[in-house]
Amino acid sequence: MRTEIAKVIVGQDAVIEQLFISLLSRGHCLLVGVPGLAKTLLIKTLADVLDLKFNRIQFTPDLMPSDITGTEIIEEDKKSGGK
């Protein structure tokens, strides 16, 4: 797995090691850094190697929780009268 990631990500050995630790310990990992450090590419590559689904959310100051989770709209069924 490390070899496959190293084909794409270069020079981030410590970050990759810490990512593996969080993955194997079933923990969380928060990647923080300036733009251009390949944080998103690292996670996308890891998802590809593990054959997992990958989605990305761009956080902005006006982002609301409902923008991520969605909202539930209850509509009345005209035939049965149920909701």
N, C-alpha and C. Protein backbone atom coordinates (compact mmCIF):
# COMPACT_ATOMS: atom_id res chain seq x y z
N MET A 1 0.84 -1.18 0.00
CA MET A 1 0.00 0.00 0.00
C MET A 1 0.89 1.25 0.00
N ARG A 2 1.92 1.23 0.81
CA ARG A 2 2.82 2.38 0.88
C ARG A 2 3.52 2.62 -0.47
N THR A 3 3.87 1.53 -1.14
CA THR A 3 4.54 1.63 -2.43
C THR A 3 3.64 2.28 -3.47
N GLU A 4 2.37 1.91 -3.47
CA GLU A 4 1.42 2.50 -4.42
C GLU A 4 1.24 4.00 -4.16
N ILE A 5 1.16 4.38 -2.90
CA ILE A 5 1.00 5.80 -2.56
C ILE A 5 2.27 6.56 -2.91
N ALA A 6 3.43 5.94 -2.68
CA ALA A 6 4.71 6.60 -2.97
C ALA A 6 4.90 6.85 -4.46
N LYS A 7 4.19 6.13 -5.30
CA LYS A 7 4.26 6.39 -6.74
C LYS A 7 3.65 7.74 -7.10
N VAL A 8 2.74 8.21 -6.26
CA VAL A 8 2.02 9.46 -6.54
C VAL A 8 2.49 10.59 -5.63
N ILE A 9 2.68 10.31 -4.35
CA ILE A 9 3.03 11.32 -3.35
C ILE A 9 4.52 11.21 -3.04
N VAL A 10 5.24 12.31 -3.22
CA VAL A 10 6.69 12.32 -2.99
C VAL A 10 7.01 13.32 -1.88
N GLY A 11 7.88 12.91 -0.94
CA GLY A 11 8.36 13.82 0.08
C GLY A 11 7.45 14.03 1.27
N GLN A 12 6.45 13.20 1.42
CA GLN A 12 5.51 13.33 2.54
C GLN A 12 5.51 12.06 3.39
N ASP A 13 6.68 11.49 3.62
CA ASP A 13 6.78 10.20 4.31
C ASP A 13 6.20 10.24 5.72
N ALA A 14 6.48 11.31 6.47
CA ALA A 14 5.97 11.41 7.85
C ALA A 14 4.45 11.50 7.86
N VAL A 15 3.90 12.25 6.94
CA VAL A 15 2.44 12.40 6.86
C VAL A 15 1.79 11.07 6.50
N ILE A 16 2.39 10.36 5.55
CA ILE A 16 1.85 9.06 5.15
C ILE A 16 1.91 8.08 6.32
N GLU A 17 3.01 8.09 7.07
CA GLU A 17 3.15 7.22 8.24
C GLU A 17 2.06 7.51 9.27
N GLN A 18 1.83 8.79 9.56
CA GLN A 18 0.80 9.17 10.53
C GLN A 18 -0.59 8.83 10.02
N LEU A 19 -0.80 8.93 8.73
CA LEU A 19 -2.08 8.56 8.14
C LEU A 19 -2.34 7.07 8.31
N PHE A 20 -1.31 6.25 8.09
CA PHE A 20 -1.44 4.80 8.30
C PHE A 20 -1.73 4.48 9.76
N ILE A 21 -1.09 5.19 10.68
CA ILE A 21 -1.33 4.96 12.11
C ILE A 21 -2.78 5.24 12.45
N SER A 22 -3.31 6.36 11.96
CA SER A 22 -4.71 6.68 12.25
C SER A 22 -5.65 5.69 11.58
N LEU A 23 -5.30 5.23 10.40
CA LEU A 23 -6.13 4.26 9.68
C LEU A 23 -6.18 2.92 10.41
N LEU A 24 -5.02 2.43 10.82
CA LEU A 24 -4.95 1.13 11.48
C LEU A 24 -5.50 1.15 12.90
N SER A 25 -5.47 2.32 13.55
CA SER A 25 -6.01 2.42 14.90
C SER A 25 -7.47 2.83 14.90
N ARG A 26 -8.06 2.92 13.70
CA ARG A 26 -9.45 3.32 13.53
C ARG A 26 -9.72 4.68 14.14
N GLY A 27 -8.75 5.57 14.01
CA GLY A 27 -8.87 6.92 14.54
C GLY A 27 -9.16 7.92 13.45
N HIS A 28 -9.04 9.18 13.81
CA HIS A 28 -9.27 10.27 12.87
C HIS A 28 -7.95 10.94 12.56
N CYS A 29 -7.89 11.57 11.43
CA CYS A 29 -6.68 12.28 11.01
C CYS A 29 -7.11 13.60 10.37
N LEU A 30 -6.60 14.70 10.90
CA LEU A 30 -6.90 16.02 10.34
C LEU A 30 -5.66 16.52 9.64
N LEU A 31 -5.74 16.69 8.34
CA LEU A 31 -4.62 17.19 7.55
C LEU A 31 -4.76 18.69 7.40
N VAL A 32 -3.79 19.43 7.92
CA VAL A 32 -3.82 20.88 7.88
C VAL A 32 -2.53 21.36 7.22
N GLY A 33 -2.65 22.31 6.33
CA GLY A 33 -1.46 22.86 5.69
C GLY A 33 -1.84 23.87 4.63
N VAL A 34 -0.82 24.55 4.15
CA VAL A 34 -1.05 25.56 3.12
C VAL A 34 -1.44 24.87 1.82
N PRO A 35 -2.06 25.60 0.91
CA PRO A 35 -2.42 25.00 -0.38
C PRO A 35 -1.19 24.49 -1.12
N GLY A 36 -1.37 23.37 -1.80
CA GLY A 36 -0.30 22.85 -2.64
C GLY A 36 0.55 21.76 -2.02
N LEU A 37 0.18 21.27 -0.85
CA LEU A 37 0.97 20.21 -0.20
C LEU A 37 0.48 18.81 -0.54
N ALA A 38 -0.47 18.69 -1.42
CA ALA A 38 -1.01 17.41 -1.90
C ALA A 38 -1.83 16.67 -0.85
N LYS A 39 -2.49 17.42 0.02
CA LYS A 39 -3.34 16.79 1.04
C LYS A 39 -4.50 16.05 0.39
N THR A 40 -5.20 16.70 -0.50
CA THR A 40 -6.34 16.07 -1.17
C THR A 40 -5.88 14.92 -2.06
N LEU A 41 -4.79 15.11 -2.76
CA LEU A 41 -4.25 14.06 -3.62
C LEU A 41 -3.85 12.84 -2.80
N LEU A 42 -3.30 13.05 -1.62
CA LEU A 42 -2.92 11.94 -0.74
C LEU A 42 -4.14 11.12 -0.35
N ILE A 43 -5.20 11.77 0.07
CA ILE A 43 -6.40 11.06 0.49
C ILE A 43 -7.08 10.39 -0.70
N LYS A 44 -7.11 11.06 -1.84
CA LYS A 44 -7.69 10.45 -3.04
C LYS A 44 -6.89 9.21 -3.45
N THR A 45 -5.57 9.30 -3.38
CA THR A 45 -4.72 8.16 -3.72
C THR A 45 -4.94 7.01 -2.74
N LEU A 46 -5.05 7.32 -1.45
CA LEU A 46 -5.32 6.29 -0.45
C LEU A 46 -6.66 5.61 -0.73
N ALA A 47 -7.67 6.40 -1.06
CA ALA A 47 -8.98 5.83 -1.39
C ALA A 47 -8.90 4.94 -2.62
N ASP A 48 -8.14 5.36 -3.62
CA ASP A 48 -7.97 4.54 -4.82
C ASP A 48 -7.27 3.23 -4.51
N VAL A 49 -6.21 3.29 -3.70
CA VAL A 49 -5.45 2.08 -3.34
C VAL A 49 -6.33 1.10 -2.57
N LEU A 50 -7.17 1.62 -1.68
CA LEU A 50 -8.04 0.77 -0.86
C LEU A 50 -9.37 0.48 -1.54
N ASP A 51 -9.56 0.98 -2.75
CA ASP A 51 -10.79 0.80 -3.51
C ASP A 51 -12.00 1.31 -2.73
N LEU A 52 -11.87 2.54 -2.22
CA LEU A 52 -12.93 3.18 -1.45
C LEU A 52 -13.48 4.37 -2.23
N LYS A 53 -14.65 4.81 -1.83
CA LYS A 53 -15.29 5.98 -2.44
C LYS A 53 -14.65 7.24 -1.86
N PHE A 54 -14.44 8.24 -2.70
CA PHE A 54 -13.82 9.49 -2.27
C PHE A 54 -14.72 10.65 -2.65
N ASN A 55 -15.00 11.52 -1.69
CA ASN A 55 -15.72 12.77 -1.93
C ASN A 55 -14.97 13.88 -1.23
N ARG A 56 -15.10 15.08 -1.76
CA ARG A 56 -14.41 16.23 -1.20
C ARG A 56 -15.42 17.34 -0.98
N ILE A 57 -15.28 18.03 0.15
CA ILE A 57 -16.14 19.17 0.45
C ILE A 57 -15.24 20.39 0.61
N GLN A 58 -15.53 21.44 -0.13
CA GLN A 58 -14.77 22.68 -0.01
C GLN A 58 -15.44 23.52 1.08
N PHE A 59 -14.74 23.72 2.19
CA PHE A 59 -15.30 24.50 3.28
C PHE A 59 -15.11 25.98 3.00
N THR A 60 -16.18 26.74 3.19
CA THR A 60 -16.16 28.18 3.01
C THR A 60 -16.79 28.80 4.25
N PRO A 61 -16.56 30.09 4.48
CA PRO A 61 -17.12 30.72 5.68
C PRO A 61 -18.65 30.66 5.77
N ASP A 62 -19.33 30.60 4.64
CA ASP A 62 -20.80 30.59 4.66
C ASP A 62 -21.39 29.18 4.54
N LEU A 63 -20.57 28.14 4.67
CA LEU A 63 -21.06 26.76 4.57
C LEU A 63 -21.91 26.42 5.79
N MET A 64 -23.08 25.89 5.55
CA MET A 64 -23.98 25.49 6.63
C MET A 64 -24.00 23.96 6.74
N PRO A 65 -24.27 23.42 7.93
CA PRO A 65 -24.34 21.96 8.07
C PRO A 65 -25.33 21.31 7.10
N SER A 66 -26.43 21.98 6.84
CA SER A 66 -27.43 21.42 5.93
C SER A 66 -26.91 21.35 4.49
N ASP A 67 -25.89 22.15 4.16
CA ASP A 67 -25.29 22.06 2.84
C ASP A 67 -24.60 20.71 2.64
N ILE A 68 -24.17 20.10 3.73
CA ILE A 68 -23.48 18.81 3.67
C ILE A 68 -24.46 17.66 3.88
N THR A 69 -25.29 17.77 4.90
CA THR A 69 -26.18 16.66 5.25
C THR A 69 -27.48 16.68 4.46
N GLY A 70 -27.83 17.83 3.90
CA GLY A 70 -29.08 17.94 3.17
C GLY A 70 -30.23 18.26 4.11
N THR A 71 -31.39 18.47 3.56
CA THR A 71 -32.58 18.75 4.35
C THR A 71 -33.66 17.75 3.98
N GLU A 72 -34.56 17.54 4.90
CA GLU A 72 -35.65 16.59 4.68
C GLU A 72 -36.93 17.38 4.42
N ILE A 73 -37.59 17.08 3.32
CA ILE A 73 -38.83 17.75 2.97
C ILE A 73 -39.95 16.72 3.04
N ILE A 74 -40.95 17.02 3.87
CA ILE A 74 -42.08 16.11 4.04
C ILE A 74 -43.21 16.60 3.13
N GLU A 75 -43.64 15.72 2.26
CA GLU A 75 -44.74 16.04 1.35
C GLU A 75 -45.90 15.09 1.60
N GLU A 76 -47.10 15.62 1.47
CA GLU A 76 -48.29 14.81 1.65
C GLU A 76 -48.57 14.01 0.39
N ASP A 77 -48.86 12.72 0.59
CA ASP A 77 -49.23 11.85 -0.53
C ASP A 77 -50.70 12.12 -0.87
N LYS A 78 -50.96 12.56 -2.07
CA LYS A 78 -52.32 12.93 -2.48
C LYS A 78 -53.28 11.74 -2.44
N LYS A 79 -52.80 10.55 -2.75
CA LYS A 79 -53.67 9.37 -2.80
C LYS A 79 -54.01 8.84 -1.42
N SER A 80 -53.00 8.69 -0.57
CA SER A 80 -53.26 8.07 0.74
C SER A 80 -53.45 9.09 1.85
N GLY A 81 -53.05 10.32 1.63
CA GLY A 81 -53.17 11.34 2.67
C GLY A 81 -52.04 11.26 3.68
N GLY A 82 -51.13 10.31 3.53
CA GLY A 82 -49.99 10.17 4.45
C GLY A 82 -48.87 11.12 4.09
N LYS A 83 -47.91 11.12 4.96
CA LYS A 83 -46.75 12.00 4.74
C LYS A 83 -45.52 11.20 4.47
